[in-house]
Amino acid sequence: MFFILSFCFCQLGYAKEPMEFADKSVSTPDTILHSDSRYIAVFGDIQVYFNSTVNMQYYEGSLQWILNHNDCIRFIMHTGDVTDNNYISQWESFSTITEPYTDRVPFYTCIGNHDYICNASNIWNHRDSTHFSEYVGFPSTVSHIEAYYETGHYENVLVRESLFGDDTVNLLILELNPRIQVVAWADSLVKTIPNSNIILITHRYISANARRYNNLLYITDSLSTPSQYVWENLVYPNDNIRCVLCGHISSLSRVLYSENAVGRIVPQIEFNIQKLPHGGDGVIELWEFDRKGDCYVRVYNTHTEQFVNDTLTSFQFKFK
């Protein structure tokens, strides 16, 4: 059983002119967030931010806004495609802008198809053809990693984070089109922590209205799996995986709801800002958690400081 909820681009209040962000100090938070809640900030496919200096200002503006609210925002999740072309210059721009903020707000990302080298036939090459692990291993990120599929590589890791004090949440970050052995590793790993609350993050998962049953030629190895395989062999049988976060699709956001093996409704959430003006226009997704275990998701423009206020752009689910 599943159904799809799509989001529109209206009422985002897109900014007309770039803003300048002078420093990385923490200012007095405004009253947008609830002080008794805890939040996760989500970036979706930030690749176009690093194609121009103007675009980068919008990205840094979002980071500054998040830092200004780091009494409530615990960490950042990103849906993959850090870069547009896997160029060193793009990776360096990402690292230079992002790292100063990560001391107070950890940044976690999966790898996207644009983070690999692409050949002339639009086929992404070997999984080693990326600079991903050279640039995403910020100290605050690495300090929260509990398990690696491959030491020194951040494509497949299990992260331990918290929302309220010792209230643990785990992030299971998986590579693009995860290999069969990676899915098996992840399955065995989540079975060792049955009472945990896990968010699965992987780049390419939802298509226009469902999970993918086939692999496009983003990765050439024969062991790559489509998202339906990930659902059937990892998400569906493990009730401690509470939700899935992905990107890749060029709509702003959508959510697919499916029942797992015990009848829990699992939201599989796609978020992607790359088609917005200025590479994202300062738009993020805010996941608000209360102490009862409910999660409320809304889209917010950090530049115009406006929420998207209609029923199609907000939803909630039971996280624990």
Protein backbone atom coordinates (compact mmCIF):
# COMPACT_ATOMS: atom_id res chain seq x y z
CA MET A 1 0.00 0.00 0.00
CA PHE A 2 1.36 3.39 -0.90
CA PHE A 3 0.35 6.85 -1.94
CA ILE A 4 2.26 9.88 -3.12
CA LEU A 5 2.07 13.48 -1.95
CA SER A 6 3.61 16.07 -4.27
CA PHE A 7 4.76 19.58 -3.39
CA CYS A 8 4.46 22.73 -5.46
CA PHE A 9 6.82 25.66 -5.91
CA CYS A 10 4.28 28.33 -5.02
CA GLN A 11 4.47 30.73 -2.10
CA LEU A 12 8.18 30.25 -1.53
CA GLY A 13 8.87 33.95 -1.67
CA TYR A 14 11.95 33.66 -3.87
CA ALA A 15 14.52 36.37 -3.25
CA LYS A 16 15.26 38.83 -6.05
CA GLU A 17 18.74 39.97 -5.08
CA PRO A 18 21.62 38.17 -3.32
CA MET A 19 22.53 39.05 0.23
CA GLU A 20 25.95 39.30 1.78
CA PHE A 21 26.81 37.29 4.87
CA ALA A 22 29.78 38.83 6.61
CA ASP A 23 30.62 36.53 9.50
CA LYS A 24 29.85 33.23 11.16
CA SER A 25 28.91 34.51 14.58
CA VAL A 26 25.79 33.34 16.38
CA SER A 27 23.14 36.05 16.62
CA THR A 28 20.05 36.10 18.80
CA PRO A 29 17.58 33.52 17.41
CA ASP A 30 14.21 34.74 16.19
CA THR A 31 10.92 33.11 17.16
CA ILE A 32 10.42 30.96 14.05
CA LEU A 33 11.40 27.74 15.83
CA HIS A 34 9.86 26.30 18.99
CA SER A 35 12.34 26.25 21.86
CA ASP A 36 10.93 23.00 23.28
CA SER A 37 11.39 21.17 19.94
CA ARG A 38 14.53 19.90 18.23
CA TYR A 39 15.16 20.22 14.51
CA ILE A 40 17.11 18.71 11.65
CA ALA A 41 17.83 21.01 8.69
CA VAL A 42 17.80 19.38 5.25
CA PHE A 43 19.56 20.54 2.09
CA GLY A 44 18.50 18.98 -1.21
CA ASP A 45 20.99 18.63 -4.09
CA ILE A 46 23.14 21.73 -3.55
CA GLN A 47 25.23 21.18 -6.70
CA VAL A 48 24.21 24.35 -8.57
CA TYR A 49 25.16 26.54 -5.62
CA PHE A 50 28.81 26.04 -6.56
CA ASN A 51 28.47 27.22 -10.16
CA SER A 52 28.72 30.92 -9.34
CA THR A 53 29.74 33.31 -6.57
CA VAL A 54 26.21 34.70 -6.37
CA ASN A 55 24.74 31.23 -5.88
CA MET A 56 27.24 30.45 -3.13
CA GLN A 57 25.97 33.45 -1.16
CA TYR A 58 22.55 31.82 -0.93
CA TYR A 59 24.09 28.58 0.31
CA GLU A 60 26.17 30.35 2.93
CA GLY A 61 23.15 32.40 3.92
CA SER A 62 21.29 29.20 4.73
CA LEU A 63 24.22 27.90 6.76
CA GLN A 64 24.37 31.16 8.68
CA TRP A 65 20.63 31.02 9.38
CA ILE A 66 21.00 27.46 10.66
CA LEU A 67 23.93 28.46 12.86
CA ASN A 68 21.87 31.30 14.29
CA HIS A 69 19.37 28.68 15.43
CA ASN A 70 21.76 25.99 16.57
CA ASP A 71 20.23 25.96 20.03
CA CYS A 72 17.35 24.05 18.38
CA ILE A 73 18.84 22.67 15.15
CA ARG A 74 20.94 19.61 15.99
CA PHE A 75 22.52 18.82 12.61
CA ILE A 76 22.19 19.02 8.82
CA MET A 77 21.33 16.25 6.35
CA HIS A 78 21.99 16.54 2.60
CA THR A 79 20.49 14.38 -0.14
CA GLY A 80 23.57 14.06 -2.39
CA ASP A 81 24.99 15.82 -5.46
CA VAL A 82 27.35 18.03 -3.50
CA THR A 83 28.92 19.11 -6.79
CA ASP A 84 27.65 19.50 -10.33
CA ASN A 85 30.61 17.93 -12.12
CA ASN A 86 32.93 16.42 -9.48
CA TYR A 87 35.41 19.24 -10.22
CA ILE A 88 38.05 19.95 -7.59
CA SER A 89 37.09 23.64 -7.68
CA GLN A 90 33.50 22.77 -6.75
CA TRP A 91 34.59 20.47 -3.94
CA GLU A 92 36.93 23.13 -2.60
CA SER A 93 34.18 25.76 -2.69
CA PHE A 94 31.86 23.40 -0.80
CA SER A 95 34.49 22.60 1.81
CA THR A 96 35.68 26.19 2.27
CA ILE A 97 32.16 27.51 2.83
CA THR A 98 30.78 24.59 4.85
CA GLU A 99 33.56 23.61 7.24
CA PRO A 100 33.50 26.72 9.48
CA TYR A 101 29.85 26.01 10.34
CA THR A 102 30.27 22.30 11.08
CA ASP A 103 31.95 22.77 14.47
CA ARG A 104 28.54 23.70 15.90
CA VAL A 105 26.16 22.08 13.41
CA PRO A 106 27.43 18.74 12.00
CA PHE A 107 26.87 18.16 8.27
CA TYR A 108 26.02 14.71 6.88
CA THR A 109 25.65 13.94 3.17
CA CYS A 110 25.29 10.95 0.89
CA ILE A 111 26.94 10.74 -2.52
CA GLY A 112 25.05 11.63 -5.71
CA ASN A 113 25.53 10.79 -9.36
CA HIS A 114 27.02 14.26 -10.06
CA ASP A 115 29.74 13.52 -7.50
CA TYR A 116 31.30 10.98 -9.87
CA ILE A 117 33.22 11.44 -13.11
CA CYS A 118 30.89 11.21 -16.09
CA ASN A 119 32.06 10.07 -19.51
CA ALA A 120 30.81 11.23 -22.91
CA SER A 121 27.99 8.66 -22.98
CA ASN A 122 26.52 10.04 -19.75
CA ILE A 123 27.58 6.90 -17.89
CA TRP A 124 29.19 7.35 -14.49
CA ASN A 125 32.34 5.34 -14.15
CA HIS A 126 33.88 3.30 -11.36
CA ARG A 127 32.81 4.09 -7.79
CA ASP A 128 36.32 5.33 -7.05
CA SER A 129 35.97 8.11 -9.65
CA THR A 130 34.96 10.71 -7.06
CA HIS A 131 36.53 13.14 -4.60
CA PHE A 132 33.66 12.63 -2.15
CA SER A 133 35.61 11.14 0.77
CA GLU A 134 38.37 13.74 0.43
CA TYR A 135 35.99 16.61 1.20
CA VAL A 136 33.02 15.49 3.35
CA GLY A 137 34.91 14.13 6.35
CA PHE A 138 34.54 17.15 8.62
CA PRO A 139 35.79 16.50 12.18
CA SER A 140 32.32 16.79 13.70
CA THR A 141 31.00 14.36 11.08
CA VAL A 142 33.70 11.76 11.61
CA SER A 143 33.39 11.93 15.40
CA HIS A 144 29.79 10.67 15.18
CA ILE A 145 30.43 7.73 12.82
CA GLU A 146 29.92 4.37 14.52
CA ALA A 147 30.44 1.99 11.59
CA TYR A 148 32.04 2.08 8.14
CA TYR A 149 31.49 -0.28 5.25
CA GLU A 150 35.00 0.64 4.14
CA THR A 151 37.39 2.47 6.44
CA GLY A 152 38.19 6.00 5.30
CA HIS A 153 35.25 6.13 2.89
CA TYR A 154 32.10 8.05 3.81
CA GLU A 155 29.74 6.67 1.17
CA ASN A 156 28.43 3.94 3.51
CA VAL A 157 28.42 4.74 7.21
CA LEU A 158 26.26 4.58 10.32
CA VAL A 159 26.12 7.80 12.34
CA ARG A 160 25.02 8.27 15.94
CA GLU A 161 23.37 11.60 16.73
CA SER A 162 20.90 12.91 19.31
CA LEU A 163 17.87 15.16 19.40
CA PHE A 164 17.05 15.57 23.09
CA GLY A 165 20.09 14.90 25.27
CA ASP A 166 20.71 11.14 25.15
CA ASP A 167 17.75 10.54 22.84
CA THR A 168 19.69 8.77 20.08
CA VAL A 169 18.91 8.92 16.38
CA ASN A 170 20.98 7.00 13.84
CA LEU A 171 21.68 8.06 10.27
CA LEU A 172 22.35 5.19 7.86
CA ILE A 173 24.05 6.79 4.85
CA LEU A 174 24.33 4.63 1.72
CA GLU A 175 26.00 5.05 -1.65
CA LEU A 176 24.29 5.68 -4.99
CA ASN A 177 22.51 2.52 -6.23
CA PRO A 178 23.89 0.54 -3.26
CA ARG A 179 25.67 -2.67 -4.12
CA ILE A 180 24.14 -5.97 -3.01
CA GLN A 181 26.87 -6.50 -0.41
CA VAL A 182 26.37 -2.97 0.95
CA VAL A 183 22.65 -3.59 1.43
CA ALA A 184 23.49 -6.87 3.22
CA TRP A 185 25.99 -5.03 5.45
CA ALA A 186 23.43 -2.37 6.28
CA ASP A 187 20.75 -4.98 7.02
CA SER A 188 23.01 -6.87 9.43
CA LEU A 189 24.02 -3.59 11.06
CA VAL A 190 20.50 -2.30 11.74
CA LYS A 191 19.52 -5.69 13.14
CA THR A 192 22.12 -5.20 15.90
CA ILE A 193 20.30 -2.05 17.10
CA PRO A 194 16.62 -3.08 16.98
CA ASN A 195 15.45 -0.40 19.42
CA SER A 196 17.07 2.48 17.55
CA ASN A 197 15.41 5.15 15.42
CA ILE A 198 17.10 5.23 12.02
CA ILE A 199 16.91 7.66 9.10
CA LEU A 200 18.15 6.10 5.84
CA ILE A 201 19.78 8.63 3.49
CA THR A 202 20.57 7.71 -0.12
CA HIS A 203 20.55 9.87 -3.23
CA ARG A 204 18.44 8.11 -5.85
CA TYR A 205 15.37 6.38 -4.48
CA ILE A 206 12.02 7.83 -5.65
CA SER A 207 11.06 8.26 -9.30
CA ALA A 208 8.01 10.21 -10.48
CA ASN A 209 5.52 8.29 -8.35
CA ALA A 210 7.20 5.21 -6.85
CA ARG A 211 10.48 3.51 -6.07
CA ARG A 212 12.70 2.50 -8.95
CA TYR A 213 12.70 -1.11 -10.14
CA ASN A 214 15.62 -0.67 -12.51
CA ASN A 215 19.05 0.92 -12.54
CA LEU A 216 19.94 3.68 -14.95
CA LEU A 217 23.56 3.63 -16.01
CA TYR A 218 24.91 5.91 -13.30
CA ILE A 219 27.30 3.28 -12.00
CA THR A 220 28.70 0.56 -14.23
CA ASP A 221 29.30 -2.25 -11.72
CA SER A 222 26.94 -5.21 -12.01
CA LEU A 223 26.16 -5.42 -8.27
CA SER A 224 24.31 -2.06 -8.13
CA THR A 225 20.71 -2.29 -6.96
CA PRO A 226 17.60 -0.18 -7.62
CA SER A 227 15.63 1.38 -4.78
CA GLN A 228 12.95 -1.32 -4.86
CA TYR A 229 15.68 -3.79 -3.87
CA VAL A 230 16.72 -1.49 -1.02
CA TRP A 231 13.11 -1.31 0.14
CA GLU A 232 12.50 -5.05 0.01
CA ASN A 233 15.80 -6.11 1.57
CA LEU A 234 16.50 -3.31 4.04
CA VAL A 235 13.67 -0.89 4.80
CA TYR A 236 10.63 -3.18 4.66
CA PRO A 237 11.89 -5.87 7.08
CA ASN A 238 13.51 -3.50 9.62
CA ASP A 239 10.99 -1.50 11.64
CA ASN A 240 13.71 0.60 13.24
CA ILE A 241 14.24 2.36 9.89
CA ARG A 242 11.67 5.08 10.48
CA CYS A 243 11.99 7.01 7.22
CA VAL A 244 14.04 7.44 4.05
CA LEU A 245 15.51 10.70 2.72
CA CYS A 246 16.61 11.08 -0.89
CA GLY A 247 17.10 13.63 -3.67
CA HIS A 248 17.92 13.39 -7.39
CA ILE A 249 14.45 14.00 -8.88
CA SER A 250 14.00 17.56 -10.13
CA SER A 251 10.76 18.28 -8.29
CA LEU A 252 11.10 20.29 -5.10
CA SER A 253 9.70 17.64 -2.80
CA ARG A 254 7.46 14.63 -2.60
CA VAL A 255 6.79 11.87 -0.11
CA LEU A 256 5.91 8.24 -0.73
CA TYR A 257 4.20 6.35 2.10
CA SER A 258 4.50 2.55 2.28
CA GLU A 259 3.71 -0.09 4.92
CA ASN A 260 6.64 -2.07 6.27
CA ALA A 261 6.57 -5.68 7.53
CA VAL A 262 4.79 -4.81 10.79
CA GLY A 263 2.34 -2.35 9.23
CA ARG A 264 4.15 0.87 10.12
CA ILE A 265 3.76 3.62 7.53
CA VAL A 266 7.27 4.59 6.39
CA PRO A 267 7.63 8.02 4.73
CA GLN A 268 10.19 8.08 1.90
CA ILE A 269 10.94 11.76 1.45
CA GLU A 270 12.49 13.40 -1.61
CA PHE A 271 13.86 16.95 -1.46
CA ASN A 272 15.77 18.76 -4.21
CA ILE A 273 16.40 22.50 -4.57
CA GLN A 274 18.66 22.53 -7.65
CA LYS A 275 16.02 23.88 -10.05
CA LEU A 276 15.19 26.91 -7.90
CA PRO A 277 16.71 30.33 -8.72
CA HIS A 278 20.33 30.85 -7.63
CA GLY A 279 20.87 27.10 -7.22
CA GLY A 280 18.42 26.79 -4.34
CA ASP A 281 17.43 30.32 -3.33
CA GLY A 282 18.14 29.68 0.34
CA VAL A 283 15.42 27.03 0.65
CA ILE A 284 15.77 24.22 3.19
CA GLU A 285 13.50 21.62 4.73
CA LEU A 286 12.99 21.72 8.50
CA TRP A 287 12.15 18.54 10.39
CA GLU A 288 10.73 19.40 13.80
CA PHE A 289 10.69 16.71 16.50
CA ASP A 290 8.72 16.86 19.73
CA ARG A 291 9.37 14.78 22.82
CA LYS A 292 6.49 12.43 21.99
CA GLY A 293 8.29 11.23 18.89
CA ASP A 294 6.29 13.07 16.24
CA CYS A 295 8.06 14.75 13.32
CA TYR A 296 6.66 17.77 11.45
CA VAL A 297 8.20 18.63 8.07
CA ARG A 298 7.98 22.07 6.45
CA VAL A 299 9.83 23.93 3.69
CA TYR A 300 11.43 27.23 4.66
CA ASN A 301 13.21 29.98 2.71
CA THR A 302 16.10 31.22 4.87
CA HIS A 303 16.61 34.21 2.58
CA THR A 304 13.08 35.64 2.65
CA GLU A 305 12.40 34.07 6.07
CA GLN A 306 9.09 32.60 4.96
CA PHE A 307 7.54 29.18 5.45
CA VAL A 308 5.50 27.60 2.68
CA ASN A 309 2.07 27.84 4.30
CA ASP A 310 -0.29 25.41 2.61
CA THR A 311 -1.31 21.83 3.27
CA LEU A 312 0.59 20.39 0.29
CA THR A 313 3.95 21.61 1.55
CA SER A 314 3.71 20.32 5.13
CA PHE A 315 3.28 16.84 6.55
CA GLN A 316 4.01 14.87 9.71
CA PHE A 317 4.83 11.31 10.68
CA LYS A 318 5.49 9.20 13.74
CA PHE A 319 9.22 8.89 14.22
CA LYS A 320 9.22 6.67 17.27
